[in-house]
C-alpha atoms as a PDB file:
ATOM      1  CA  LEU A   1     -27.011  -5.971  -5.700  1.00  0.00           C
ATOM      2  CA  MET A   2     -23.687  -4.189  -6.136  1.00  0.00           C
ATOM      3  CA  ALA A   3     -25.064  -2.094  -8.991  1.00  0.00           C
ATOM      4  CA  SER A   4     -27.880  -0.788  -6.803  1.00  0.00           C
ATOM      5  CA  ALA A   5     -25.421  -0.110  -3.982  1.00  0.00           C
ATOM      6  CA  ALA A   6     -23.081   1.668  -6.403  1.00  0.00           C
ATOM      7  CA  ALA A   7     -25.910   3.970  -7.454  1.00  0.00           C
ATOM      8  CA  THR A   8     -26.201   5.338  -3.912  1.00  0.00           C
ATOM      9  CA  GLU A   9     -22.604   4.860  -2.745  1.00  0.00           C
ATOM     10  CA  PRO A  10     -19.929   4.648  -5.471  1.00  0.00           C
ATOM     11  CA  LEU A  11     -17.303   3.221  -3.113  1.00  0.00           C
ATOM     12  CA  ALA A  12     -19.471   0.293  -1.969  1.00  0.00           C
ATOM     13  CA  PRO A  13     -18.329  -2.179  -4.662  1.00  0.00           C
ATOM     14  CA  ILE A  14     -14.683  -1.266  -4.084  1.00  0.00           C
ATOM     15  CA  ALA A  15     -15.029  -1.648  -0.320  1.00  0.00           C
ATOM     16  CA  TYR A  16     -16.778  -4.995  -0.778  1.00  0.00           C
ATOM     17  CA  ALA A  17     -14.102  -6.283  -3.166  1.00  0.00           C
ATOM     18  CA  LEU A  18     -11.251  -5.172  -0.911  1.00  0.00           C
ATOM     19  CA  THR A  19     -12.745  -6.662   2.248  1.00  0.00           C
ATOM     20  CA  PHE A  20     -13.591  -9.898   0.420  1.00  0.00           C
ATOM     21  CA  LEU A  21     -10.072 -10.239  -0.978  1.00  0.00           C
ATOM     22  CA  PHE A  22      -8.471  -9.339   2.357  1.00  0.00           C
ATOM     23  CA  THR A  23     -10.630 -11.868   4.189  1.00  0.00           C
ATOM     24  CA  ILE A  24     -10.014 -14.674   1.702  1.00  0.00           C
ATOM     25  CA  MET A  25      -6.254 -14.046   1.763  1.00  0.00           C
ATOM     26  CA  LEU A  26      -6.205 -13.881   5.560  1.00  0.00           C
ATOM     27  CA  VAL A  27      -8.084 -17.175   5.882  1.00  0.00           C
ATOM     28  CA  LYS A  28      -5.759 -18.863   3.381  1.00  0.00           C
ATOM     29  CA  ALA A  29      -2.712 -17.534   5.226  1.00  0.00           C
ATOM     30  CA  ILE A  30      -4.027 -18.810   8.566  1.00  0.00           C
ATOM     31  CA  ILE A  31      -4.741 -22.247   7.102  1.00  0.00           C
ATOM     32  CA  ALA A  32      -1.287 -22.362   5.472  1.00  0.00           C
ATOM     33  CA  TYR A  33       0.359 -21.317   8.743  1.00  0.00           C
ATOM     34  CA  ALA A  34      -1.570 -23.981  10.665  1.00  0.00           C
ATOM     35  CA  PHE A  35      -0.526 -26.658   8.177  1.00  0.00           C
ATOM     36  CA  ASP A  36       3.078 -25.492   8.275  1.00  0.00           C
ATOM     37  CA  ARG A  37       3.145 -25.660  12.074  1.00  0.00           C
ATOM     38  CA  ALA A  38       1.504 -29.105  12.123  1.00  0.00           C
ATOM     39  CA  ARG A  39       3.534 -30.582   9.263  1.00  0.00           C
ATOM     40  CA  GLY A  40       5.810 -32.596  11.545  1.00  0.00           C
ATOM     41  CA  GLN A  41       2.843 -34.071  13.412  1.00  0.00           C
ATOM     42  CA  PHE A  42       1.144 -35.443  10.289  1.00  0.00           C
ATOM     43  CA  SER A  43       2.200 -38.542   8.457  1.00  0.00           C
ATOM     44  CA  GLU A  44       2.860 -37.959   4.767  1.00  0.00           C
ATOM     45  CA  ARG A  45      -0.432 -39.648   3.917  1.00  0.00           C
ATOM     46  CA  GLY A  46      -2.348 -37.640   6.534  1.00  0.00           C
ATOM     47  CA  TYR A  47      -0.807 -34.373   5.343  1.00  0.00           C
ATOM     48  CA  ARG A  48      -1.742 -35.141   1.747  1.00  0.00           C
ATOM     49  CA  ALA A  49      -5.274 -36.124   2.808  1.00  0.00           C
ATOM     50  CA  ALA A  50      -5.714 -32.899   4.787  1.00  0.00           C
ATOM     51  CA  LEU A  51      -4.559 -30.804   1.830  1.00  0.00           C
ATOM     52  CA  SER A  52      -6.902 -32.745  -0.452  1.00  0.00           C
ATOM     53  CA  VAL A  53      -9.830 -32.042   1.868  1.00  0.00           C
ATOM     54  CA  CYS A  54      -8.950 -28.333   1.831  1.00  0.00           C
ATOM     55  CA  GLY A  55      -8.833 -28.397  -1.963  1.00  0.00           C
ATOM     56  CA  VAL A  56     -12.222 -30.095  -2.214  1.00  0.00           C
ATOM     57  CA  LEU A  57     -13.713 -27.584   0.228  1.00  0.00           C
ATOM     58  CA  MET A  58     -12.332 -24.678  -1.818  1.00  0.00           C
ATOM     59  CA  LEU A  59     -13.856 -26.183  -4.959  1.00  0.00           C
ATOM     60  CA  GLY A  60     -17.155 -26.528  -3.098  1.00  0.00           C
ATOM     61  CA  PHE A  61     -17.078 -22.860  -2.145  1.00  0.00           C
ATOM     62  CA  ALA A  62     -16.289 -21.943  -5.749  1.00  0.00           C
ATOM     63  CA  VAL A  63     -19.249 -23.969  -7.007  1.00  0.00           C
ATOM     64  CA  GLY A  64     -21.451 -22.248  -4.423  1.00  0.00           C
ATOM     65  CA  TYR A  65     -20.331 -18.819  -5.605  1.00  0.00           C
ATOM     66  CA  VAL A  66     -20.933 -19.755  -9.242  1.00  0.00           C
ATOM     67  CA  TYR A  67     -24.413 -21.012  -8.339  1.00  0.00           C
ATOM     68  CA  GLN A  68     -25.235 -17.791  -6.483  1.00  0.00           C
ATOM     69  CA  ALA A  69     -23.905 -15.677  -9.346  1.00  0.00           C
ATOM     70  CA  TRP A  70     -25.966 -17.651 -11.854  1.00  0.00           C
ATOM     71  CA  SER A  71     -29.089 -17.267  -9.698  1.00  0.00           C
ATOM     72  CA  LEU A  72     -28.571 -13.502  -9.520  1.00  0.00           C
ATOM     73  CA  PHE A  73     -27.847 -13.327 -13.257  1.00  0.00           C
ATOM     74  CA  THR A  74     -31.050 -15.157 -14.183  1.00  0.00           C
ATOM     75  CA  GLN A  75     -33.077 -12.752 -12.026  1.00  0.00           C
ATOM     76  CA  LEU A  76     -31.954  -9.774 -14.138  1.00  0.00           C
END
């Protein structure tokens, strides 16, 4: 998909990568800020559980991206 976009617009892959990275960093920063602000309201066990859930969700997203990449790769 990016290769076909790059053929017509060379800056498309760069723009996609930059917006993706900016978005992912912004979301992580917002989540970290929210956890920092709420740290005193969580018990130690609750805080650890919330961070564990975030970690599992990030792994789930990573698996989803790998699956999508593999699907696109096998279509080539």
